[in-house]
Amino acid sequence: MLHDIIHTILEEINNSIFKVDKNQIIDFIKLLDNSDRLYLRGKGRSALVSKQFAMRLLHLDYSVFIVGSVTAPPVKEGDLVIFISGSGSLISNSVILDKCNELNATTCCFTSNPDSYLGSNCDLTITVFAGDKMSDKGFDYSKRQIEGKSCSNNNLPLGTLFELTVSVLFDAIIAKLMILKNETEKNMKKRHFNLE
């Protein structure tokens, strides 16, 4: 029974991740390398995904911060702010995006809802298809989240498929960056926090 569920989850992640536009990922990697500093923003479980990615970017010697951290320096032109938001419609993210635009920072989002405020207003939007239902009236992500309904084609609750897919996608991006930068795990380990 549990193995069947695991198989289903892996199948759903696989289906979702291979629908992501490769050109959007190429553009994202270029943004990473052409930015002075990187800032990541997510709420809830998406915040955990953003912190995982930030840690690996740090190991690759990027200057990276979490939005809202007390030790993050001010965002400026030349910086990249990366949003991870399934719905793309949190008001707090919209406020932060508007501030980024005022500061002439570059913005990018990973979302299941490219027609959302984030999806429509970031410099680069990477659409992550996470099995969410489309209604006759348009995207139904936020309503489904509030009502606690699972995605249409799987048994995963709320935004789980989005979060897992983005997490795997970020690890794949890290692996690609390691190749592009000729980076080794040995070097990355030297940049790992050492008071554990």
Protein backbone atom coordinates (compact mmCIF):
# COMPACT_ATOMS: atom_id res chain seq x y z
CA MET A 1 0.00 0.00 0.00
CA LEU A 2 2.65 2.55 1.04
CA HIS A 3 4.86 1.55 -1.90
CA ASP A 4 1.93 2.16 -4.25
CA ILE A 5 1.51 5.66 -2.82
CA ILE A 6 5.25 6.36 -3.17
CA HIS A 7 5.16 5.13 -6.77
CA THR A 8 2.19 7.41 -7.50
CA ILE A 9 3.93 10.43 -5.93
CA LEU A 10 7.12 9.84 -7.95
CA GLU A 11 5.06 9.42 -11.11
CA GLU A 12 3.23 12.71 -10.46
CA ILE A 13 6.51 14.57 -9.83
CA ASN A 14 7.92 13.08 -13.03
CA ASN A 15 4.85 14.14 -15.01
CA SER A 16 5.01 17.67 -13.60
CA ILE A 17 8.72 18.28 -13.94
CA PHE A 18 8.92 17.27 -17.59
CA LYS A 19 6.23 19.80 -18.49
CA VAL A 20 8.45 22.70 -17.34
CA ASP A 21 9.72 24.69 -20.32
CA LYS A 22 13.45 24.00 -20.76
CA ASN A 23 14.00 27.45 -22.24
CA GLN A 24 12.62 29.03 -19.05
CA ILE A 25 15.19 27.04 -17.04
CA ILE A 26 18.00 28.12 -19.37
CA ASP A 27 16.89 31.75 -18.92
CA PHE A 28 16.75 31.23 -15.15
CA ILE A 29 20.32 29.87 -15.03
CA LYS A 30 21.48 32.91 -17.03
CA LEU A 31 19.73 35.19 -14.53
CA LEU A 32 21.48 33.44 -11.64
CA ASP A 33 24.88 33.99 -13.19
CA ASN A 34 24.23 37.57 -14.28
CA SER A 35 22.93 38.82 -10.92
CA ASP A 36 24.97 40.45 -8.17
CA ARG A 37 23.07 38.79 -5.33
CA LEU A 38 20.19 36.33 -5.06
CA TYR A 39 17.17 36.59 -2.75
CA LEU A 40 14.63 33.83 -2.27
CA ARG A 41 11.04 34.23 -1.08
CA GLY A 42 8.49 31.58 -0.19
CA LYS A 43 5.78 31.16 2.44
CA GLY A 44 4.82 28.00 4.30
CA ARG A 45 6.30 24.86 2.75
CA SER A 46 7.50 26.91 -0.22
CA ALA A 47 9.72 28.77 2.27
CA LEU A 48 11.37 25.47 3.16
CA VAL A 49 11.98 24.76 -0.52
CA SER A 50 13.49 28.24 -0.96
CA LYS A 51 15.86 27.67 1.98
CA GLN A 52 17.00 24.31 0.57
CA PHE A 53 17.82 25.96 -2.75
CA ALA A 54 19.52 28.93 -1.07
CA MET A 55 21.77 26.57 0.88
CA ARG A 56 22.96 24.79 -2.25
CA LEU A 57 23.45 28.09 -4.09
CA LEU A 58 25.63 29.21 -1.19
CA HIS A 59 27.62 25.98 -1.53
CA LEU A 60 28.17 26.96 -5.18
CA ASP A 61 29.56 30.31 -3.99
CA TYR A 62 26.60 32.51 -4.93
CA SER A 63 25.80 35.46 -2.70
CA VAL A 64 22.33 34.40 -1.54
CA PHE A 65 19.82 35.56 1.08
CA ILE A 66 16.32 34.79 2.28
CA VAL A 67 13.83 37.66 1.97
CA GLY A 68 12.83 38.75 5.47
CA SER A 69 15.98 37.46 7.18
CA VAL A 70 17.38 39.95 9.67
CA THR A 71 20.86 39.51 8.15
CA ALA A 72 19.82 40.12 4.52
CA PRO A 73 21.27 43.30 3.02
CA PRO A 74 19.02 45.72 1.12
CA VAL A 75 17.95 44.69 -2.38
CA LYS A 76 19.33 46.86 -5.17
CA GLU A 77 19.47 47.05 -8.94
CA GLY A 78 21.44 44.09 -10.27
CA ASP A 79 20.00 41.68 -7.69
CA LEU A 80 17.60 38.83 -8.47
CA VAL A 81 14.59 38.08 -6.25
CA ILE A 82 13.16 34.58 -6.75
CA PHE A 83 9.60 33.85 -5.61
CA ILE A 84 8.30 30.32 -5.01
CA SER A 85 4.50 30.44 -4.89
CA GLY A 86 2.05 27.85 -6.18
CA SER A 87 -0.84 30.28 -6.27
CA GLY A 88 1.23 33.32 -7.21
CA SER A 89 -1.42 35.43 -5.51
CA LEU A 90 -0.36 36.02 -1.89
CA ILE A 91 -0.80 39.70 -1.10
CA SER A 92 2.49 39.82 0.81
CA ASN A 93 4.36 38.54 -2.27
CA SER A 94 2.63 41.13 -4.44
CA VAL A 95 3.76 43.92 -2.11
CA ILE A 96 7.35 42.62 -2.16
CA LEU A 97 7.27 42.31 -5.95
CA ASP A 98 6.11 45.92 -6.31
CA LYS A 99 8.95 47.04 -4.03
CA CYS A 100 11.45 45.03 -6.12
CA ASN A 101 10.20 46.80 -9.23
CA GLU A 102 10.64 50.20 -7.53
CA LEU A 103 14.23 49.20 -6.74
CA ASN A 104 14.87 47.99 -10.32
CA ALA A 105 15.73 44.51 -9.08
CA THR A 106 15.16 41.60 -11.45
CA THR A 107 12.37 39.23 -10.44
CA CYS A 108 11.54 35.63 -11.19
CA CYS A 109 8.84 33.29 -9.94
CA PHE A 110 8.12 29.58 -9.91
CA THR A 111 4.35 29.17 -9.87
CA SER A 112 1.50 26.92 -10.97
CA ASN A 113 -0.49 30.01 -11.87
CA PRO A 114 1.22 32.05 -14.62
CA ASP A 115 -1.84 34.33 -14.86
CA SER A 116 -1.51 35.37 -11.20
CA TYR A 117 -0.11 38.73 -10.08
CA LEU A 118 3.38 37.25 -9.62
CA GLY A 119 3.20 35.28 -12.85
CA SER A 120 2.10 38.31 -14.84
CA ASN A 121 4.51 40.83 -13.34
CA CYS A 122 7.84 39.06 -12.77
CA ASP A 123 10.61 39.47 -15.32
CA LEU A 124 10.71 35.68 -15.74
CA THR A 125 7.93 33.25 -14.85
CA ILE A 126 8.59 29.53 -14.71
CA THR A 127 5.36 27.58 -14.81
CA VAL A 128 5.31 24.39 -12.76
CA PHE A 129 2.35 22.22 -13.73
CA ALA A 130 1.23 20.56 -10.53
CA GLY A 131 -1.97 18.74 -11.53
CA ASP A 132 -4.21 21.62 -10.53
CA LYS A 133 -7.71 21.78 -11.97
CA MET A 134 -8.69 24.45 -14.37
CA SER A 135 -12.29 25.54 -14.02
CA ASP A 136 -14.52 27.14 -16.64
CA LYS A 137 -13.80 30.45 -14.91
CA GLY A 138 -10.02 30.02 -14.99
CA PHE A 139 -7.39 28.90 -12.52
CA ASP A 140 -8.76 27.40 -9.34
CA TYR A 141 -5.58 27.03 -7.24
CA SER A 142 -6.38 29.40 -4.36
CA LYS A 143 -9.91 28.10 -3.90
CA ARG A 144 -8.68 24.52 -3.86
CA GLN A 145 -6.02 25.41 -1.27
CA ILE A 146 -8.53 27.13 1.01
CA GLU A 147 -11.01 24.25 0.73
CA GLY A 148 -8.27 21.70 1.44
CA LYS A 149 -8.87 19.72 -1.74
CA SER A 150 -6.14 17.61 -3.27
CA CYS A 151 -4.85 18.08 -6.80
CA SER A 152 -7.02 16.70 -9.57
CA ASN A 153 -4.95 13.70 -10.62
CA ASN A 154 -3.31 12.60 -7.39
CA ASN A 155 -3.88 12.04 -3.68
CA LEU A 156 -1.43 14.70 -2.51
CA PRO A 157 -2.92 17.39 -0.29
CA LEU A 158 -2.87 21.10 -0.99
CA GLY A 159 0.33 22.32 -2.65
CA THR A 160 2.41 19.20 -2.03
CA LEU A 161 2.93 18.32 -5.69
CA PHE A 162 4.05 21.88 -6.48
CA GLU A 163 6.49 21.95 -3.55
CA LEU A 164 7.98 18.53 -4.30
CA THR A 165 8.30 19.29 -8.01
CA VAL A 166 10.05 22.61 -7.41
CA SER A 167 12.37 20.99 -4.86
CA VAL A 168 13.44 18.30 -7.36
CA LEU A 169 13.74 20.91 -10.11
CA PHE A 170 16.01 23.05 -7.92
CA ASP A 171 18.25 20.07 -7.16
CA ALA A 172 18.49 19.36 -10.90
CA ILE A 173 19.44 23.01 -11.49
CA ILE A 174 22.15 22.72 -8.83
CA ALA A 175 23.51 19.57 -10.53
CA LYS A 176 23.55 21.42 -13.88
CA LEU A 177 25.31 24.41 -12.31
CA MET A 178 27.95 22.07 -10.86
CA ILE A 179 28.68 20.83 -14.38
CA LEU A 180 28.70 24.31 -15.92
CA LYS A 181 31.01 25.66 -13.22
CA ASN A 182 33.17 22.53 -13.06
CA GLU A 183 32.37 22.49 -9.35
CA THR A 184 33.12 19.52 -7.09
CA GLU A 185 31.33 18.26 -4.02
CA LYS A 186 34.65 18.60 -2.17
CA ASN A 187 34.74 22.36 -2.87
CA MET A 188 31.06 22.74 -2.01
CA LYS A 189 31.65 21.03 1.34
CA LYS A 190 34.26 23.68 2.19
CA ARG A 191 31.46 26.27 2.01
CA HIS A 192 29.12 24.28 4.25
CA PHE A 193 28.31 25.62 7.73
CA ASN A 194 30.88 24.21 10.15
CA LEU A 195 29.44 24.59 13.67
CA GLU A 196 27.29 21.47 13.52
